């Protein structure tokens, strides 16, 4: 086992034992070798594990409709799951009182930003893609920026010495509301141009 794998294993164990957020104390962080390669072409950050997806399968963006859409988007640029690493702004599944998925609170995002920062520092990705506004906001807590999805979706930006491409979340709600699949595919193509040149 090499040093990187070992350090990542320790970080996963720490995240699994974390109980800082009161409303998420009964959940276990989705962080393991199922998140992807530690030498990724693209480092993706989502919002939080979905109830029917990552919280159930322990694999981010897998097992639900958002995961299905994400796979289609990856396929559109010939990017395989084995070539990426994907984590979340909040690594435990945030649920409402009715047990539905909910948007993580600012406090939850802040609490988890320590883990996100440590993962980025450990993996040292040169190219990061955020999926949705929560992920983009989470990066702001690590290194301040003023990027917004409205203005910067599908464009390459410099963030903390790395290339960053803000993308819309691939949830069915976002796609149905105003960000159709065609637009998301177009934005993913901007991503392809960057990792293909590496």
N, C-alpha and C. Protein backbone atom coordinates (compact mmCIF):
# COMPACT_ATOMS: atom_id res chain seq x y z
N UNK A 1 0.85 -1.20 0.00
CA UNK A 1 0.00 0.00 0.00
C UNK A 1 0.88 1.25 0.00
N UNK A 2 0.70 2.11 -1.02
CA UNK A 2 1.55 3.30 -1.06
C UNK A 2 1.07 4.36 -0.07
N UNK A 3 1.92 5.37 0.10
CA UNK A 3 1.66 6.41 1.10
C UNK A 3 0.35 7.16 0.86
N UNK A 4 0.06 7.48 -0.41
CA UNK A 4 -1.16 8.21 -0.75
C UNK A 4 -2.41 7.41 -0.37
N UNK A 5 -2.40 6.12 -0.72
CA UNK A 5 -3.53 5.24 -0.40
C UNK A 5 -3.72 5.12 1.10
N UNK A 6 -2.60 5.04 1.80
CA UNK A 6 -2.62 4.91 3.27
C UNK A 6 -3.22 6.17 3.91
N UNK A 7 -2.72 7.33 3.47
CA UNK A 7 -3.22 8.61 4.01
C UNK A 7 -4.71 8.79 3.71
N UNK A 8 -5.10 8.38 2.51
CA UNK A 8 -6.52 8.49 2.14
C UNK A 8 -7.37 7.56 3.02
N UNK A 9 -6.86 6.39 3.30
CA UNK A 9 -7.56 5.44 4.18
C UNK A 9 -7.78 6.01 5.56
N UNK A 10 -6.76 6.69 6.10
CA UNK A 10 -6.87 7.34 7.42
C UNK A 10 -7.93 8.44 7.40
N UNK A 11 -7.92 9.22 6.30
CA UNK A 11 -8.88 10.32 6.15
C UNK A 11 -10.31 9.77 6.07
N UNK A 12 -10.50 8.67 5.35
CA UNK A 12 -11.82 8.04 5.24
C UNK A 12 -12.31 7.59 6.62
N UNK A 13 -11.41 6.97 7.38
CA UNK A 13 -11.77 6.48 8.72
C UNK A 13 -12.19 7.64 9.62
N UNK A 14 -11.47 8.75 9.51
CA UNK A 14 -11.79 9.95 10.30
C UNK A 14 -13.17 10.50 9.92
N UNK A 15 -13.41 10.58 8.61
CA UNK A 15 -14.70 11.10 8.13
C UNK A 15 -15.85 10.19 8.57
N UNK A 16 -15.62 8.87 8.54
CA UNK A 16 -16.67 7.92 8.94
C UNK A 16 -17.02 8.07 10.43
N UNK A 17 -16.02 8.45 11.22
CA UNK A 17 -16.24 8.59 12.67
C UNK A 17 -16.80 9.96 13.06
N UNK A 18 -16.83 10.91 12.10
CA UNK A 18 -17.25 12.28 12.40
C UNK A 18 -18.73 12.35 12.78
N UNK A 19 -19.01 13.09 13.87
CA UNK A 19 -20.40 13.27 14.32
C UNK A 19 -20.64 14.74 14.67
N UNK A 20 -19.95 15.66 14.00
CA UNK A 20 -20.03 17.09 14.33
C UNK A 20 -21.43 17.68 14.08
N UNK A 21 -22.04 17.32 12.95
CA UNK A 21 -23.34 17.91 12.60
C UNK A 21 -24.48 17.17 13.31
N UNK A 22 -25.24 17.85 14.16
CA UNK A 22 -26.30 17.19 14.93
C UNK A 22 -27.31 16.43 14.07
N UNK A 23 -27.75 17.04 12.95
CA UNK A 23 -28.77 16.39 12.11
C UNK A 23 -28.22 15.26 11.24
N UNK A 24 -26.89 15.14 11.17
CA UNK A 24 -26.28 14.11 10.33
C UNK A 24 -25.55 13.05 11.16
N UNK A 25 -25.69 13.14 12.48
CA UNK A 25 -24.93 12.26 13.38
C UNK A 25 -25.25 10.77 13.20
N UNK A 26 -26.43 10.49 12.64
CA UNK A 26 -26.79 9.08 12.44
C UNK A 26 -26.39 8.58 11.05
N UNK A 27 -25.72 9.44 10.28
CA UNK A 27 -25.29 9.08 8.92
C UNK A 27 -23.77 8.82 8.89
N UNK A 28 -23.35 8.06 7.89
CA UNK A 28 -21.91 7.78 7.71
C UNK A 28 -21.45 8.46 6.43
N UNK A 29 -20.32 9.15 6.51
CA UNK A 29 -19.77 9.86 5.35
C UNK A 29 -19.53 8.89 4.19
N UNK A 30 -19.87 9.35 2.99
CA UNK A 30 -19.61 8.56 1.79
C UNK A 30 -18.22 8.95 1.30
N UNK A 31 -17.23 8.19 1.74
CA UNK A 31 -15.84 8.45 1.35
C UNK A 31 -15.07 7.13 1.45
N UNK A 32 -14.62 6.63 0.31
CA UNK A 32 -13.89 5.35 0.28
C UNK A 32 -13.25 5.21 -1.11
N UNK A 33 -12.69 4.05 -1.38
CA UNK A 33 -12.10 3.84 -2.71
C UNK A 33 -13.17 3.81 -3.81
N UNK A 34 -14.46 3.77 -3.42
CA UNK A 34 -15.55 3.83 -4.41
C UNK A 34 -15.72 5.24 -4.97
N UNK A 35 -15.07 6.23 -4.34
CA UNK A 35 -15.14 7.61 -4.85
C UNK A 35 -14.32 7.79 -6.12
N UNK A 36 -13.38 6.87 -6.36
CA UNK A 36 -12.61 6.96 -7.60
C UNK A 36 -11.11 6.89 -7.41
N UNK A 37 -10.41 7.15 -8.49
CA UNK A 37 -8.95 7.09 -8.49
C UNK A 37 -8.34 8.27 -7.75
N UNK A 38 -7.20 8.04 -7.10
CA UNK A 38 -6.50 9.12 -6.40
C UNK A 38 -5.59 9.90 -7.36
N UNK A 39 -5.62 9.51 -8.65
CA UNK A 39 -4.88 10.23 -9.69
C UNK A 39 -5.87 10.57 -10.82
N UNK A 40 -6.87 11.41 -10.50
CA UNK A 40 -7.95 11.64 -11.47
C UNK A 40 -7.62 12.64 -12.58
N UNK A 41 -8.27 12.43 -13.73
CA UNK A 41 -8.21 13.42 -14.81
C UNK A 41 -9.05 14.63 -14.40
N UNK A 42 -10.18 14.35 -13.71
CA UNK A 42 -11.06 15.42 -13.21
C UNK A 42 -11.50 15.07 -11.79
N UNK A 43 -11.47 16.07 -10.92
CA UNK A 43 -11.90 15.93 -9.53
C UNK A 43 -13.26 16.62 -9.43
N UNK A 44 -14.33 15.84 -9.27
CA UNK A 44 -15.69 16.39 -9.21
C UNK A 44 -16.13 16.57 -7.75
N UNK A 45 -16.90 17.63 -7.53
CA UNK A 45 -17.51 17.86 -6.21
C UNK A 45 -19.01 18.06 -6.40
N UNK A 46 -19.80 17.23 -5.73
CA UNK A 46 -21.26 17.36 -5.77
C UNK A 46 -21.78 18.06 -4.53
N UNK A 47 -23.06 17.89 -4.27
CA UNK A 47 -23.71 18.58 -3.15
C UNK A 47 -23.65 17.75 -1.86
N UNK A 48 -24.31 16.60 -1.86
CA UNK A 48 -24.34 15.68 -0.71
C UNK A 48 -24.86 14.34 -1.23
N UNK A 49 -24.55 13.24 -0.56
CA UNK A 49 -25.03 11.94 -1.03
C UNK A 49 -26.56 11.87 -1.03
N UNK A 50 -27.13 11.41 -2.13
CA UNK A 50 -28.58 11.28 -2.24
C UNK A 50 -29.08 10.06 -1.49
N UNK A 51 -30.30 10.15 -0.99
CA UNK A 51 -30.90 9.06 -0.21
C UNK A 51 -30.94 7.76 -1.01
N UNK A 52 -31.43 7.84 -2.25
CA UNK A 52 -31.58 6.63 -3.07
C UNK A 52 -30.30 6.29 -3.84
N UNK A 53 -29.36 7.25 -3.89
CA UNK A 53 -28.13 7.04 -4.64
C UNK A 53 -26.95 6.71 -3.75
N UNK A 54 -26.08 7.69 -3.54
CA UNK A 54 -24.81 7.45 -2.84
C UNK A 54 -24.95 6.97 -1.40
N UNK A 55 -25.98 7.44 -0.70
CA UNK A 55 -26.13 6.99 0.69
C UNK A 55 -26.47 5.50 0.75
N UNK A 56 -27.13 5.02 -0.28
CA UNK A 56 -27.51 3.60 -0.34
C UNK A 56 -26.37 2.76 -0.94
N UNK A 57 -25.77 3.25 -2.03
CA UNK A 57 -24.76 2.46 -2.76
C UNK A 57 -23.34 2.69 -2.25
N UNK A 58 -23.15 3.79 -1.47
CA UNK A 58 -21.83 4.23 -0.97
C UNK A 58 -20.91 4.70 -2.09
N UNK A 59 -21.49 4.97 -3.24
CA UNK A 59 -20.71 5.44 -4.39
C UNK A 59 -21.35 6.73 -4.90
N UNK A 60 -20.63 7.86 -4.88
CA UNK A 60 -21.23 9.14 -5.29
C UNK A 60 -21.84 9.11 -6.70
N UNK A 61 -23.00 9.74 -6.83
CA UNK A 61 -23.70 9.83 -8.11
C UNK A 61 -23.87 8.45 -8.75
N UNK A 62 -24.44 7.55 -7.98
CA UNK A 62 -24.65 6.19 -8.48
C UNK A 62 -25.91 5.60 -7.83
N UNK A 63 -26.79 5.07 -8.66
CA UNK A 63 -27.96 4.39 -8.12
C UNK A 63 -29.25 5.19 -8.12
N UNK A 64 -29.21 6.43 -8.60
CA UNK A 64 -30.44 7.23 -8.69
C UNK A 64 -30.45 7.99 -10.02
N UNK A 65 -31.47 8.82 -10.21
CA UNK A 65 -31.63 9.54 -11.48
C UNK A 65 -30.49 10.53 -11.73
N UNK A 66 -30.03 11.22 -10.66
CA UNK A 66 -28.89 12.14 -10.82
C UNK A 66 -27.66 11.38 -11.29
N UNK A 67 -27.48 10.19 -10.72
CA UNK A 67 -26.34 9.34 -11.10
C UNK A 67 -26.44 8.89 -12.55
N UNK A 68 -27.65 8.60 -12.99
CA UNK A 68 -27.89 8.20 -14.38
C UNK A 68 -27.55 9.35 -15.32
N UNK A 69 -27.99 10.56 -14.96
CA UNK A 69 -27.69 11.74 -15.77
C UNK A 69 -26.19 12.02 -15.79
N UNK A 70 -25.55 11.84 -14.64
CA UNK A 70 -24.11 12.08 -14.54
C UNK A 70 -23.36 11.11 -15.46
N UNK A 71 -23.79 9.85 -15.49
CA UNK A 71 -23.14 8.86 -16.36
C UNK A 71 -23.29 9.27 -17.83
N UNK A 72 -24.48 9.76 -18.21
CA UNK A 72 -24.70 10.20 -19.59
C UNK A 72 -23.77 11.36 -19.95
N UNK A 73 -23.60 12.27 -18.99
CA UNK A 73 -22.71 13.42 -19.21
C UNK A 73 -21.26 12.98 -19.35
N UNK A 74 -20.83 12.04 -18.51
CA UNK A 74 -19.47 11.50 -18.63
C UNK A 74 -19.30 10.80 -19.98
N UNK A 75 -20.29 9.99 -20.35
CA UNK A 75 -20.23 9.28 -21.65
C UNK A 75 -20.11 10.25 -22.81
N UNK A 76 -20.76 11.42 -22.68
CA UNK A 76 -20.76 12.40 -23.78
C UNK A 76 -19.37 12.96 -24.07
N UNK A 77 -18.48 12.83 -23.08
CA UNK A 77 -17.10 13.32 -23.30
C UNK A 77 -16.07 12.18 -23.14
N UNK A 78 -16.57 10.94 -23.27
CA UNK A 78 -15.69 9.75 -23.20
C UNK A 78 -14.84 9.71 -21.94
N UNK A 79 -15.46 10.05 -20.82
CA UNK A 79 -14.75 10.02 -19.54
C UNK A 79 -15.31 8.87 -18.71
N UNK A 80 -14.42 8.00 -18.25
CA UNK A 80 -14.88 6.83 -17.48
C UNK A 80 -14.83 7.11 -15.98
N UNK A 81 -15.67 6.41 -15.23
CA UNK A 81 -15.67 6.56 -13.76
C UNK A 81 -14.29 6.25 -13.18
N UNK A 82 -13.58 5.33 -13.81
CA UNK A 82 -12.25 4.94 -13.31
C UNK A 82 -11.22 6.06 -13.45
N UNK A 83 -11.55 7.07 -14.27
CA UNK A 83 -10.61 8.18 -14.51
C UNK A 83 -10.89 9.41 -13.65
N UNK A 84 -11.93 9.32 -12.80
CA UNK A 84 -12.29 10.50 -12.01
C UNK A 84 -12.30 10.19 -10.52
N UNK A 85 -12.30 11.26 -9.74
CA UNK A 85 -12.59 11.16 -8.30
C UNK A 85 -13.79 12.06 -8.08
N UNK A 86 -14.74 11.60 -7.28
CA UNK A 86 -15.91 12.44 -7.01
C UNK A 86 -16.28 12.38 -5.54
N UNK A 87 -16.44 13.56 -4.96
CA UNK A 87 -16.85 13.66 -3.56
C UNK A 87 -17.95 14.72 -3.46
N UNK A 88 -18.26 15.14 -2.25
CA UNK A 88 -19.36 16.10 -2.06
C UNK A 88 -18.96 17.23 -1.11
N UNK A 89 -19.70 18.33 -1.22
CA UNK A 89 -19.51 19.45 -0.30
C UNK A 89 -19.79 18.99 1.13
N UNK A 90 -20.84 18.17 1.28
CA UNK A 90 -21.19 17.55 2.56
C UNK A 90 -21.22 16.04 2.30
N UNK A 91 -20.46 15.29 3.06
CA UNK A 91 -20.25 13.87 2.75
C UNK A 91 -21.26 12.92 3.38
N UNK A 92 -22.17 13.46 4.21
CA UNK A 92 -23.26 12.66 4.76
C UNK A 92 -24.57 13.08 4.10
N UNK A 93 -25.52 12.17 4.05
CA UNK A 93 -26.79 12.43 3.38
C UNK A 93 -27.70 13.34 4.20
N UNK A 94 -27.91 14.55 3.70
CA UNK A 94 -28.77 15.52 4.40
C UNK A 94 -30.23 15.23 4.07
N UNK A 95 -31.06 15.01 5.13
CA UNK A 95 -32.46 14.64 4.93
C UNK A 95 -33.39 15.61 5.66
N UNK A 96 -34.59 15.73 5.13
CA UNK A 96 -35.63 16.54 5.78
C UNK A 96 -36.34 15.67 6.82
N UNK A 97 -37.29 16.26 7.53
CA UNK A 97 -38.06 15.50 8.53
C UNK A 97 -38.87 14.38 7.89
N UNK A 98 -39.17 14.52 6.59
CA UNK A 98 -39.92 13.47 5.89
C UNK A 98 -38.97 12.46 5.22
N UNK A 99 -37.67 12.58 5.52
CA UNK A 99 -36.63 11.69 5.01
C UNK A 99 -36.31 11.91 3.52
N UNK A 100 -36.73 13.05 2.99
CA UNK A 100 -36.39 13.38 1.60
C UNK A 100 -35.02 14.07 1.58
N UNK A 101 -34.37 14.07 0.42
CA UNK A 101 -33.11 14.82 0.29
C UNK A 101 -33.38 16.29 0.55
N UNK A 102 -32.45 16.96 1.23
CA UNK A 102 -32.57 18.41 1.40
C UNK A 102 -31.22 19.05 1.12
N UNK A 103 -31.24 20.36 0.90
CA UNK A 103 -29.99 21.10 0.68
C UNK A 103 -29.26 21.19 2.02
N UNK A 104 -27.95 20.89 2.05
CA UNK A 104 -27.20 21.01 3.31
C UNK A 104 -27.21 22.44 3.83
N UNK A 105 -27.16 22.59 5.14
CA UNK A 105 -27.11 23.94 5.74
C UNK A 105 -25.71 24.52 5.59
N UNK A 106 -25.62 25.82 5.77
CA UNK A 106 -24.31 26.48 5.69
C UNK A 106 -23.36 25.91 6.75
N UNK A 107 -23.89 25.64 7.95
CA UNK A 107 -23.06 25.08 9.03
C UNK A 107 -22.53 23.70 8.64
N UNK A 108 -23.36 22.88 8.01
CA UNK A 108 -22.93 21.54 7.57
C UNK A 108 -21.85 21.64 6.50
N UNK A 109 -22.03 22.58 5.57
CA UNK A 109 -21.03 22.79 4.51
C UNK A 109 -19.70 23.23 5.14
N UNK A 110 -19.81 24.14 6.11
CA UNK A 110 -18.60 24.64 6.79
C UNK A 110 -17.90 23.53 7.55
N UNK A 111 -18.67 22.72 8.29
CA UNK A 111 -18.08 21.62 9.06
C UNK A 111 -17.34 20.64 8.16
N UNK A 112 -17.93 20.37 6.99
CA UNK A 112 -17.35 19.37 6.09
C UNK A 112 -16.22 19.94 5.23
N UNK A 113 -16.12 21.27 5.17
CA UNK A 113 -15.10 21.89 4.32
C UNK A 113 -13.68 21.51 4.74
N UNK A 114 -13.50 21.17 6.02
CA UNK A 114 -12.19 20.73 6.50
C UNK A 114 -11.79 19.44 5.79
N UNK A 115 -12.74 18.50 5.69
CA UNK A 115 -12.46 17.24 5.00
C UNK A 115 -12.22 17.47 3.51
N UNK A 116 -13.06 18.31 2.91
CA UNK A 116 -12.92 18.60 1.48
C UNK A 116 -11.54 19.20 1.19
N UNK A 117 -11.14 20.13 2.04
CA UNK A 117 -9.82 20.77 1.87
C UNK A 117 -8.70 19.73 1.97
N UNK A 118 -8.82 18.84 2.94
CA UNK A 118 -7.78 17.81 3.13
C UNK A 118 -7.73 16.83 1.96
N UNK A 119 -8.88 16.51 1.39
CA UNK A 119 -8.91 15.61 0.23
C UNK A 119 -8.23 16.28 -0.97
N UNK A 120 -8.56 17.55 -1.19
CA UNK A 120 -7.95 18.30 -2.31
C UNK A 120 -6.44 18.40 -2.11
N UNK A 121 -6.01 18.69 -0.89
CA UNK A 121 -4.58 18.80 -0.59
C UNK A 121 -3.88 17.47 -0.81
N UNK A 122 -4.54 16.38 -0.44
CA UNK A 122 -3.95 15.04 -0.57
C UNK A 122 -3.85 14.60 -2.03
N UNK A 123 -4.94 14.76 -2.77
CA UNK A 123 -4.98 14.30 -4.17
C UNK A 123 -4.29 15.26 -5.13
N UNK A 124 -4.30 16.54 -4.79
CA UNK A 124 -3.69 17.59 -5.61
C UNK A 124 -4.17 17.57 -7.06
N UNK A 125 -5.48 17.64 -7.27
CA UNK A 125 -5.98 17.62 -8.66
C UNK A 125 -5.64 18.92 -9.37
N UNK A 126 -5.34 18.83 -10.66
CA UNK A 126 -5.07 20.06 -11.41
C UNK A 126 -6.36 20.62 -12.00
N UNK A 127 -7.39 19.75 -12.12
CA UNK A 127 -8.66 20.17 -12.71
C UNK A 127 -9.83 19.75 -11.80
N UNK A 128 -10.58 20.76 -11.34
CA UNK A 128 -11.74 20.52 -10.47
C UNK A 128 -13.01 20.96 -11.19
N UNK A 129 -14.07 20.17 -11.06
CA UNK A 129 -15.38 20.56 -11.59
C UNK A 129 -16.40 20.47 -10.47
N UNK A 130 -17.11 21.56 -10.23
CA UNK A 130 -18.16 21.56 -9.21
C UNK A 130 -19.50 21.28 -9.89
N UNK A 131 -20.35 20.51 -9.22
CA UNK A 131 -21.67 20.17 -9.75
C UNK A 131 -22.73 20.85 -8.89
N UNK A 132 -23.17 22.03 -9.33
CA UNK A 132 -24.18 22.77 -8.59
C UNK A 132 -23.62 23.87 -7.71
N UNK A 133 -24.53 24.71 -7.22
CA UNK A 133 -24.12 25.90 -6.46
C UNK A 133 -23.58 25.58 -5.07
N UNK A 134 -24.06 24.49 -4.44
CA UNK A 134 -23.58 24.14 -3.10
C UNK A 134 -22.10 23.79 -3.15
N UNK A 135 -21.69 23.02 -4.17
CA UNK A 135 -20.28 22.65 -4.32
C UNK A 135 -19.41 23.87 -4.59
N UNK A 136 -19.92 24.77 -5.41
CA UNK A 136 -19.18 26.00 -5.73
C UNK A 136 -19.01 26.86 -4.48
N UNK A 137 -20.07 26.92 -3.69
CA UNK A 137 -20.05 27.67 -2.42
C UNK A 137 -19.06 27.05 -1.44
N UNK A 138 -18.99 25.73 -1.42
CA UNK A 138 -18.08 25.03 -0.50
C UNK A 138 -16.62 25.40 -0.77
N UNK A 139 -16.27 25.56 -2.04
CA UNK A 139 -14.89 25.93 -2.38
C UNK A 139 -14.54 27.31 -1.86
N UNK A 140 -15.55 28.16 -1.76
CA UNK A 140 -15.35 29.53 -1.27
C UNK A 140 -14.85 29.54 0.17
N UNK A 141 -15.24 28.50 0.94
CA UNK A 141 -14.81 28.40 2.34
C UNK A 141 -13.35 27.93 2.45
N UNK A 142 -12.84 27.34 1.39
CA UNK A 142 -11.44 26.88 1.37
C UNK A 142 -10.53 27.99 0.84
N UNK A 143 -10.94 28.58 -0.26
CA UNK A 143 -10.20 29.71 -0.85
C UNK A 143 -11.24 30.61 -1.52
N UNK A 144 -11.35 31.83 -1.04
CA UNK A 144 -12.41 32.72 -1.49
C UNK A 144 -12.42 32.93 -3.01
N UNK A 145 -13.59 32.96 -3.59
CA UNK A 145 -13.76 33.28 -5.00
C UNK A 145 -15.12 33.98 -5.16
N UNK A 146 -15.34 34.51 -6.35
CA UNK A 146 -16.62 35.19 -6.61
C UNK A 146 -17.33 34.59 -7.82
N UNK A 147 -17.07 33.32 -8.10
CA UNK A 147 -17.69 32.67 -9.25
C UNK A 147 -19.15 32.32 -8.94
N UNK A 148 -19.99 32.42 -9.96
CA UNK A 148 -21.40 32.01 -9.83
C UNK A 148 -21.75 31.12 -11.03
N UNK A 149 -22.73 30.27 -10.83
CA UNK A 149 -23.17 29.42 -11.94
C UNK A 149 -23.77 30.26 -13.07
N UNK A 150 -24.54 31.25 -12.68
CA UNK A 150 -25.20 32.11 -13.68
C UNK A 150 -24.17 32.70 -14.66
N UNK A 151 -23.04 33.13 -14.11
CA UNK A 151 -22.03 33.80 -14.94
C UNK A 151 -20.93 32.89 -15.47
N UNK A 152 -20.57 31.86 -14.70
CA UNK A 152 -19.35 31.10 -15.03
C UNK A 152 -19.55 29.63 -15.38
N UNK A 153 -20.80 29.15 -15.44
CA UNK A 153 -21.03 27.74 -15.77
C UNK A 153 -20.40 27.39 -17.12
N UNK A 154 -19.66 26.28 -17.14
CA UNK A 154 -19.06 25.81 -18.38
C UNK A 154 -17.84 26.57 -18.84
N UNK A 155 -17.27 27.40 -17.95
CA UNK A 155 -16.05 28.15 -18.31
C UNK A 155 -14.90 27.75 -17.39
N UNK A 156 -13.69 27.90 -17.89
CA UNK A 156 -12.52 27.57 -17.08
C UNK A 156 -12.10 28.80 -16.27
N UNK A 157 -11.93 28.59 -14.97
CA UNK A 157 -11.49 29.65 -14.07
C UNK A 157 -10.25 29.18 -13.30
N UNK A 158 -9.50 30.12 -12.78
CA UNK A 158 -8.37 29.77 -11.93
C UNK A 158 -8.84 29.84 -10.49
N UNK A 159 -8.60 28.80 -9.73
CA UNK A 159 -8.97 28.80 -8.31
C UNK A 159 -7.88 28.08 -7.51
N UNK A 160 -7.30 28.80 -6.59
CA UNK A 160 -6.34 28.19 -5.66
C UNK A 160 -5.21 27.44 -6.39
N UNK A 161 -4.75 28.03 -7.48
CA UNK A 161 -3.65 27.43 -8.26
C UNK A 161 -4.09 26.25 -9.13
N UNK A 162 -5.40 26.09 -9.33
CA UNK A 162 -5.90 24.97 -10.14
C UNK A 162 -6.91 25.47 -11.17
N UNK A 163 -7.20 24.64 -12.15
CA UNK A 163 -8.26 24.96 -13.10
C UNK A 163 -9.58 24.51 -12.50
N UNK A 164 -10.59 25.36 -12.61
CA UNK A 164 -11.91 25.06 -12.06
C UNK A 164 -12.97 25.30 -13.13
N UNK A 165 -13.86 24.32 -13.30
CA UNK A 165 -15.00 24.49 -14.21
C UNK A 165 -16.28 24.31 -13.40
N UNK A 166 -17.02 25.40 -13.13
CA UNK A 166 -18.32 25.27 -12.46
C UNK A 166 -19.34 24.68 -13.43
N UNK A 167 -20.09 23.67 -12.97
CA UNK A 167 -21.11 23.02 -13.80
C UNK A 167 -22.43 22.97 -13.03
N UNK A 168 -23.53 22.84 -13.76
CA UNK A 168 -24.82 22.66 -13.09
C UNK A 168 -24.92 21.26 -12.53
N UNK A 169 -25.76 21.10 -11.52
CA UNK A 169 -25.99 19.79 -10.93
C UNK A 169 -26.82 18.95 -11.91
N UNK A 170 -26.49 17.65 -12.06
CA UNK A 170 -27.23 16.83 -13.02
C UNK A 170 -28.53 16.23 -12.49
N UNK A 171 -29.13 16.85 -11.49
CA UNK A 171 -30.38 16.31 -10.94
C UNK A 171 -31.51 16.49 -11.96
N UNK A 172 -32.51 15.60 -11.94
CA UNK A 172 -33.63 15.76 -12.88
C UNK A 172 -34.36 17.07 -12.71
N UNK A 173 -34.41 17.58 -11.46
CA UNK A 173 -35.10 18.86 -11.20
C UNK A 173 -34.40 20.02 -11.91
N UNK A 174 -33.07 20.05 -11.83
CA UNK A 174 -32.30 21.13 -12.46
C UNK A 174 -32.43 21.03 -13.98
N UNK A 175 -32.32 19.82 -14.50
CA UNK A 175 -32.42 19.63 -15.95
C UNK A 175 -33.81 20.01 -16.45
N UNK A 176 -34.85 19.62 -15.71
CA UNK A 176 -36.23 19.92 -16.13
C UNK A 176 -36.57 21.40 -15.99
N UNK A 177 -36.04 22.03 -14.94
CA UNK A 177 -36.40 23.43 -14.67
C UNK A 177 -35.94 24.38 -15.77
N UNK A 178 -34.61 24.50 -15.94
CA UNK A 178 -34.16 25.43 -16.99
C UNK A 178 -32.82 25.06 -17.60
N UNK A 179 -32.16 24.07 -17.03
CA UNK A 179 -30.83 23.72 -17.53
C UNK A 179 -30.90 22.37 -18.23
N UNK A 180 -31.40 22.36 -19.45
CA UNK A 180 -31.59 21.10 -20.18
C UNK A 180 -30.31 20.31 -20.37
N UNK A 181 -30.47 19.04 -20.70
CA UNK A 181 -29.33 18.15 -20.88
C UNK A 181 -28.38 18.65 -21.98
N UNK A 182 -28.92 19.25 -23.02
CA UNK A 182 -28.07 19.75 -24.12
C UNK A 182 -27.09 20.81 -23.62
N UNK A 183 -27.59 21.71 -22.76
CA UNK A 183 -26.72 22.74 -22.20
C UNK A 183 -25.64 22.12 -21.32
N UNK A 184 -26.03 21.12 -20.53
CA UNK A 184 -25.05 20.47 -19.65
C UNK A 184 -23.99 19.73 -20.47
N UNK A 185 -24.40 19.08 -21.54
CA UNK A 185 -23.43 18.40 -22.41
C UNK A 185 -22.45 19.41 -23.00
N UNK A 186 -22.97 20.56 -23.40
CA UNK A 186 -22.12 21.63 -23.96
C UNK A 186 -21.09 22.07 -22.92
N UNK A 187 -21.51 22.24 -21.67
CA UNK A 187 -20.59 22.63 -20.60
C UNK A 187 -19.55 21.54 -20.32
N UNK A 188 -19.97 20.28 -20.39
CA UNK A 188 -19.03 19.18 -20.17
C UNK A 188 -17.98 19.13 -21.27
N UNK A 189 -18.35 19.59 -22.47
CA UNK A 189 -17.36 19.61 -23.57
C UNK A 189 -16.22 20.58 -23.26
N UNK A 190 -16.53 21.65 -22.53
CA UNK A 190 -15.48 22.60 -22.12
C UNK A 190 -14.49 21.89 -21.20
N UNK A 191 -15.03 20.98 -20.41
CA UNK A 191 -14.20 20.19 -19.49
C UNK A 191 -13.29 19.26 -20.28
N UNK A 192 -13.85 18.63 -21.31
CA UNK A 192 -13.09 17.68 -22.13
C UNK A 192 -11.88 18.35 -22.77
N UNK A 193 -12.06 19.56 -23.25
CA UNK A 193 -10.95 20.28 -23.88
C UNK A 193 -9.78 20.45 -22.92
N UNK A 194 -10.10 20.58 -21.63
CA UNK A 194 -9.05 20.79 -20.62
C UNK A 194 -8.32 19.50 -20.26
N UNK A 195 -9.06 18.41 -19.98
CA UNK A 195 -8.33 17.20 -19.58
C UNK A 195 -7.69 16.50 -20.76
N UNK A 196 -8.21 16.73 -21.96
CA UNK A 196 -7.61 16.10 -23.15
C UNK A 196 -6.23 16.68 -23.43
N UNK A 197 -6.06 17.94 -23.02
CA UNK A 197 -4.76 18.61 -23.28
C UNK A 197 -3.69 18.30 -22.24
N UNK A 198 -4.02 17.49 -21.25
CA UNK A 198 -3.04 17.21 -20.19
C UNK A 198 -2.13 16.06 -20.57
